[in-house]
Protein backbone atom coordinates (compact mmCIF):
# COMPACT_ATOMS: atom_id res chain seq x y z
CA MET A 1 23.66 294.61 -60.44
CA ALA A 2 25.66 290.70 -61.14
CA ASP A 3 28.53 290.76 -63.96
CA SER A 4 28.01 289.30 -66.28
CA ASP A 5 30.71 286.81 -66.95
CA ILE A 6 28.93 283.71 -67.53
CA ARG A 7 31.87 281.60 -66.82
CA THR A 8 31.85 282.98 -63.32
CA GLN A 9 28.76 282.87 -61.59
CA THR A 10 27.21 281.21 -58.92
CA PHE A 11 24.26 279.56 -60.72
CA GLY A 12 25.39 279.89 -64.41
CA THR A 13 23.05 282.06 -67.34
CA LEU A 14 21.03 279.53 -68.84
CA LEU A 15 19.94 277.00 -66.91
CA THR A 16 17.40 273.92 -68.35
CA ALA A 17 14.66 273.52 -65.83
CA MET A 18 15.47 269.76 -65.99
CA ILE A 19 12.66 266.71 -66.60
CA THR A 20 12.57 263.59 -64.61
CA PRO A 21 12.76 261.10 -67.01
CA PHE A 22 10.54 258.04 -66.25
CA ALA A 23 10.27 254.49 -68.17
CA LYS A 24 6.44 252.92 -69.32
CA ASP A 25 6.26 251.93 -66.40
CA GLY A 26 6.64 254.66 -64.39
CA GLU A 27 10.11 254.26 -62.77
CA VAL A 28 12.55 256.63 -63.03
CA ASP A 29 15.05 256.21 -65.52
CA TYR A 30 18.29 257.49 -64.28
CA ASP A 31 20.40 256.22 -66.88
CA ALA A 32 18.13 258.70 -69.71
CA ALA A 33 18.61 261.46 -66.87
CA GLY A 34 21.99 260.92 -66.91
CA GLN A 35 22.11 261.32 -70.96
CA LEU A 36 19.79 264.06 -71.13
CA ALA A 37 21.81 266.23 -68.32
CA ALA A 38 24.94 265.72 -70.89
CA LYS A 39 23.29 266.69 -73.83
CA LEU A 40 22.01 269.87 -72.36
CA VAL A 41 25.79 270.80 -71.09
CA ASP A 42 27.02 269.50 -74.49
CA ASP A 43 24.48 271.96 -76.19
CA GLY A 44 25.27 275.25 -74.12
CA CYS A 45 23.29 274.94 -70.34
CA ASP A 46 25.49 276.47 -67.83
CA GLY A 47 23.42 275.03 -65.08
CA LEU A 48 20.41 272.54 -64.31
CA VAL A 49 17.79 272.92 -61.93
CA VAL A 50 16.75 269.15 -60.84
CA THR A 51 13.82 267.84 -59.56
CA GLY A 52 12.34 271.89 -59.65
CA THR A 53 8.34 271.42 -61.04
CA THR A 54 9.17 270.69 -64.56
CA GLY A 55 10.96 267.89 -62.75
CA GLU A 56 7.58 266.58 -60.93
CA THR A 57 9.38 266.58 -57.89
CA SER A 58 6.06 266.58 -56.08
CA THR A 59 5.37 263.21 -57.28
CA LEU A 60 8.96 261.86 -56.45
CA THR A 61 10.10 260.40 -53.27
CA ASP A 62 13.07 261.89 -51.21
CA GLU A 63 15.30 258.99 -52.41
CA GLU A 64 14.51 260.02 -55.93
CA ASN A 65 15.33 263.10 -55.65
CA LEU A 66 18.23 262.23 -54.18
CA ALA A 67 19.47 259.67 -56.98
CA MET A 68 18.50 262.28 -59.51
CA PHE A 69 20.86 265.09 -57.72
CA LYS A 70 23.70 261.93 -57.93
CA VAL A 71 23.00 261.25 -61.19
CA VAL A 72 23.28 264.22 -62.49
CA LEU A 73 26.53 265.26 -60.91
CA GLU A 74 27.84 262.46 -62.15
CA ALA A 75 27.11 263.21 -65.62
CA VAL A 76 28.06 267.17 -65.78
CA GLY A 77 29.25 268.03 -62.01
CA GLY A 78 31.97 270.59 -63.05
CA ARG A 79 30.92 271.10 -66.35
CA ALA A 80 27.69 272.89 -65.54
CA LYS A 81 25.99 273.98 -62.00
CA VAL A 82 23.73 271.25 -60.33
CA ILE A 83 21.47 273.28 -58.86
CA ALA A 84 18.50 270.99 -56.64
CA GLY A 85 15.40 271.64 -56.01
CA THR A 86 14.78 271.27 -52.62
CA GLY A 87 12.29 273.20 -51.42
CA THR A 88 8.53 271.92 -50.42
CA ASN A 89 5.99 273.88 -48.34
CA ASP A 90 7.24 271.90 -45.34
CA THR A 91 10.02 274.10 -43.83
CA ARG A 92 11.43 271.21 -41.65
CA HIS A 93 11.73 268.76 -44.76
CA SER A 94 12.99 271.25 -47.03
CA ILE A 95 15.97 271.86 -44.59
CA SER A 96 16.43 268.13 -44.25
CA LEU A 97 16.66 267.14 -48.12
CA SER A 98 18.67 270.49 -48.73
CA ARG A 99 21.52 269.40 -46.31
CA ARG A 100 21.34 265.47 -48.16
CA ALA A 101 21.50 267.36 -51.19
CA ALA A 102 24.47 269.44 -49.90
CA GLU A 103 26.04 266.19 -48.81
CA LEU A 104 25.87 264.66 -52.23
CA GLY A 105 27.79 267.78 -53.41
CA VAL A 106 25.49 270.00 -55.15
CA ASP A 107 26.37 273.80 -56.23
CA GLY A 108 23.24 275.25 -55.09
CA LEU A 109 19.41 275.49 -54.11
CA LEU A 110 16.42 276.04 -55.43
CA ILE A 111 13.55 277.11 -52.91
CA VAL A 112 9.94 277.51 -53.84
CA THR A 113 7.57 279.71 -52.04
CA PRO A 114 5.84 277.48 -50.24
CA TYR A 115 2.74 276.36 -51.30
CA TYR A 116 -1.14 276.23 -50.09
CA ASN A 117 -0.45 276.60 -46.69
CA LYS A 118 -0.73 280.69 -47.80
CA PRO A 119 1.55 282.24 -44.69
CA SER A 120 1.99 285.75 -43.84
CA GLN A 121 4.95 287.31 -45.56
CA ALA A 122 6.63 287.13 -42.49
CA GLY A 123 5.96 283.46 -42.80
CA VAL A 124 7.37 283.47 -45.72
CA GLN A 125 10.87 285.32 -45.08
CA ALA A 126 11.50 283.09 -42.21
CA HIS A 127 10.36 279.78 -44.45
CA PHE A 128 13.62 280.90 -46.71
CA GLU A 129 16.06 282.39 -44.12
CA SER A 130 15.74 278.88 -41.99
CA ILE A 131 16.49 277.13 -45.44
CA ALA A 132 18.97 279.12 -46.30
CA SER A 133 20.73 279.12 -43.04
CA ALA A 134 20.61 275.27 -42.55
CA THR A 135 23.59 274.61 -45.39
CA ASP A 136 26.31 276.86 -46.68
CA LEU A 137 24.75 276.18 -50.46
CA PRO A 138 23.33 279.31 -52.33
CA VAL A 139 19.84 279.57 -52.57
CA MET A 140 17.79 280.88 -55.56
CA LEU A 141 14.56 281.81 -54.66
CA TYR A 142 11.80 280.71 -56.84
CA ASP A 143 8.68 283.27 -56.73
CA ILE A 144 5.65 281.53 -58.95
CA PRO A 145 2.34 282.91 -57.69
CA GLY A 146 0.75 281.12 -60.19
CA ARG A 147 1.56 277.36 -58.66
CA SER A 148 2.33 278.16 -55.03
CA GLY A 149 -1.11 280.39 -54.67
CA ILE A 150 1.06 283.59 -53.12
CA PRO A 151 3.96 286.06 -53.85
CA ILE A 152 7.24 286.46 -52.50
CA ALA A 153 6.56 290.50 -51.99
CA THR A 154 9.46 292.48 -53.38
CA ASP A 155 9.70 293.48 -49.99
CA THR A 156 9.97 290.83 -48.59
CA ILE A 157 12.70 289.75 -51.73
CA LEU A 158 14.42 293.09 -50.71
CA ARG A 159 14.85 291.97 -47.20
CA LEU A 160 15.68 288.12 -47.86
CA ALA A 161 18.47 289.47 -50.18
CA GLU A 162 20.44 290.30 -46.91
CA HIS A 163 20.97 287.03 -45.57
CA PRO A 164 24.39 285.94 -47.14
CA ASN A 165 23.36 282.37 -48.16
CA ILE A 166 20.67 283.51 -50.60
CA ARG A 167 22.11 284.71 -54.07
CA GLY A 168 19.41 284.60 -56.94
CA LEU A 169 15.99 284.60 -57.79
CA LYS A 170 14.09 282.80 -60.54
CA ASP A 171 11.00 285.48 -61.28
CA ALA A 172 8.15 284.34 -62.58
CA LYS A 173 6.04 286.78 -61.04
CA ALA A 174 5.73 288.77 -64.35
CA ASP A 175 5.80 292.22 -62.59
CA PHE A 176 8.28 294.02 -64.34
CA GLY A 177 8.17 297.25 -62.00
CA GLY A 178 8.84 294.70 -58.80
CA ILE A 179 11.64 293.11 -60.79
CA THR A 180 13.45 296.53 -61.98
CA ARG A 181 12.91 296.97 -58.06
CA VAL A 182 14.99 294.30 -57.10
CA LEU A 183 17.45 294.76 -60.01
CA ALA A 184 17.60 297.94 -58.75
CA LYS A 185 18.12 297.64 -54.93
CA THR A 186 20.04 293.82 -54.64
CA ASP A 187 23.02 291.96 -55.96
CA LEU A 188 20.81 289.42 -56.38
CA ALA A 189 21.40 287.07 -59.97
CA VAL A 190 17.95 287.48 -61.01
CA TYR A 191 17.06 284.69 -63.63
CA SER A 192 13.40 284.71 -65.61
CA GLY A 193 11.20 282.04 -65.15
CA ASP A 194 9.22 282.65 -67.54
CA ASP A 195 10.68 281.57 -70.93
CA GLY A 196 9.09 284.33 -73.18
CA LEU A 197 10.35 287.06 -70.54
CA THR A 198 13.62 285.98 -71.28
CA LEU A 199 14.27 289.06 -73.50
CA PRO A 200 12.60 291.73 -71.58
CA TRP A 201 14.06 290.57 -68.39
CA MET A 202 17.87 290.17 -69.80
CA ALA A 203 17.49 294.13 -71.01
CA ALA A 204 16.77 295.27 -67.50
CA GLY A 205 19.30 293.56 -66.35
CA ALA A 206 18.71 290.15 -65.62
CA LEU A 207 21.49 287.57 -65.68
CA GLY A 208 20.14 284.20 -67.58
CA VAL A 209 16.65 282.31 -67.35
CA VAL A 210 15.45 279.55 -65.96
CA SER A 211 14.07 277.35 -68.90
CA VAL A 212 11.96 274.70 -69.61
CA THR A 213 11.86 275.31 -73.57
CA ALA A 214 15.72 274.97 -73.67
CA HIS A 215 15.61 271.03 -73.07
CA VAL A 216 14.31 271.61 -77.37
CA VAL A 217 15.87 274.19 -78.46
CA THR A 218 18.99 274.86 -76.04
CA LYS A 219 21.44 276.33 -78.85
CA GLN A 220 19.09 278.57 -79.87
CA PHE A 221 18.42 279.97 -75.88
CA ARG A 222 22.41 279.72 -75.87
CA ALA A 223 22.42 282.51 -78.22
CA LEU A 224 19.76 284.28 -76.62
CA VAL A 225 21.27 284.71 -73.20
CA ASP A 226 24.68 285.60 -75.16
CA ALA A 227 23.17 288.17 -77.17
CA ALA A 228 21.45 289.75 -74.59
CA LEU A 229 24.65 289.75 -72.45
CA ALA A 230 26.91 291.20 -74.99
CA GLY A 231 24.18 293.61 -75.34
CA ASP A 232 23.45 292.62 -79.35
CA PHE A 233 19.89 293.35 -78.50
CA ALA A 234 19.07 293.09 -82.32
CA THR A 235 20.25 289.68 -82.61
CA ALA A 236 18.45 288.83 -79.28
CA ARG A 237 15.27 289.83 -80.61
CA LYS A 238 15.41 288.09 -83.43
CA ILE A 239 16.21 285.08 -81.78
CA HIS A 240 13.19 285.54 -79.76
CA PHE A 241 10.57 286.03 -82.57
CA ASP A 242 11.66 282.68 -83.52
CA LEU A 243 11.33 280.91 -80.52
CA ASP A 244 7.79 282.20 -80.15
CA PRO A 245 5.81 279.39 -81.35
CA VAL A 246 8.26 276.82 -79.87
CA ILE A 247 7.81 278.29 -76.48
CA ARG A 248 3.86 278.69 -77.61
CA GLY A 249 3.98 274.89 -77.98
CA ILE A 250 5.84 273.69 -75.09
CA MET A 251 4.41 276.06 -72.61
CA THR A 252 0.68 276.81 -73.18
CA ARG A 253 -1.07 273.88 -74.81
CA VAL A 254 -0.29 271.19 -72.11
CA GLN A 255 1.55 271.38 -68.69
CA GLY A 256 5.31 272.40 -69.46
CA ALA A 257 6.41 269.19 -68.34
CA VAL A 258 4.22 267.06 -70.49
CA ALA A 259 4.70 268.66 -73.75
CA THR A 260 8.34 268.41 -72.81
CA LYS A 261 8.55 265.09 -72.83
CA GLN A 262 6.46 264.46 -75.59
CA VAL A 263 8.60 266.70 -77.76
CA LEU A 264 11.69 265.25 -76.75
CA LYS A 265 10.46 261.98 -77.71
CA TRP A 266 9.86 263.24 -81.16
CA GLN A 267 13.41 264.25 -80.90
CA GLY A 268 14.33 260.96 -80.38
CA VAL A 269 15.80 262.40 -76.72
CA LEU A 270 13.85 260.36 -74.26
CA PRO A 271 12.77 256.96 -75.29
CA THR A 272 9.12 257.58 -73.38
CA SER A 273 7.15 260.35 -72.51
CA THR A 274 5.42 258.80 -69.31
CA VAL A 275 4.59 260.91 -66.74
CA ARG A 276 2.88 261.25 -62.99
CA LEU A 277 -0.33 260.94 -61.76
CA PRO A 278 -2.07 263.49 -61.76
CA LEU A 279 -0.25 264.65 -64.83
CA VAL A 280 -1.42 262.49 -68.41
CA GLU A 281 0.13 262.55 -72.05
CA PRO A 282 -1.58 264.65 -74.24
CA GLY A 283 -4.35 264.08 -76.26
CA ASP A 284 -4.91 263.99 -80.07
CA ALA A 285 -5.84 267.93 -80.37
CA GLU A 286 -3.22 268.80 -77.68
CA LEU A 287 -0.42 267.34 -79.87
CA ALA A 288 -2.00 268.69 -82.68
CA LEU A 289 -1.64 271.97 -81.84
CA ILE A 290 2.13 271.24 -80.36
CA ARG A 291 2.71 270.13 -83.66
CA ALA A 292 1.38 273.60 -85.77
CA ASP A 293 3.32 274.94 -83.22
CA LEU A 294 6.50 273.30 -84.06
CA ALA A 295 6.03 273.62 -87.32
CA GLU A 296 5.47 277.41 -87.14
CA ALA A 297 9.51 277.49 -85.74
CA GLY A 298 10.53 274.97 -88.56
CA MET A 299 11.05 271.94 -86.34
CA ASP A 300 8.50 269.22 -88.52
CA PHE A 301 7.23 266.32 -86.62
CA ALA A 302 4.17 265.31 -88.55
């Protein structure tokens, strides 16, 4: 199980899966991205995942991905780990993008399960191992069957953990039995990939969370992670309960990136809440639900 010194971790302990800001015309707003990255780190993040799912990577060009890595490195490099989302469902493409990210100086790679293709577990393993062998960077596996269509089977994770560059796992599978085996049998740094499961996963030995909701309540998530790492589960439990309506508002009413951009706009952090198709901004009924959830947590945007 990973050591709990939060300042010496390969990936960090509180990582926000950053949104990619867009101007009203849909072009990437790199100035806003740099400012957001700095704010997140100032407020307590020790790692940032750049152009993962929440960063709308599927509608970014490679050049936009790479430019985002560069902007975030310039904004927070040396103060937080910058983890590049370079996984796709094309192994060769992922290798190419990973190598280019490595040349820019990122601290690690987040590689998602190859989606849509539905490979066998042997194919999943070969995909990850090929990418992990392409650079010297530490790799965090991203297991999210709800988006990828297939899981990384627990036995596959155990085998992948033997690769020297595969160092972490972002788990969004909600399989407590499976993650217990991974924690017990490997040295992977495990992160909850589901904001609402941060506390139980950390109680079992996970190192932290890769969070979407932390965009809008960074300090609270920092306090939750720190309390859990210190074994202060009474404090962690109270924060967990306090965060529940915020997580509900960000993660269950509309797609997470969509809700996050809207709330960041309400908070005055982003100038726009623009997303790229096929994502669309929330409708009035959805906005009302998000406002009500946040109001329950004392965040009033009426």
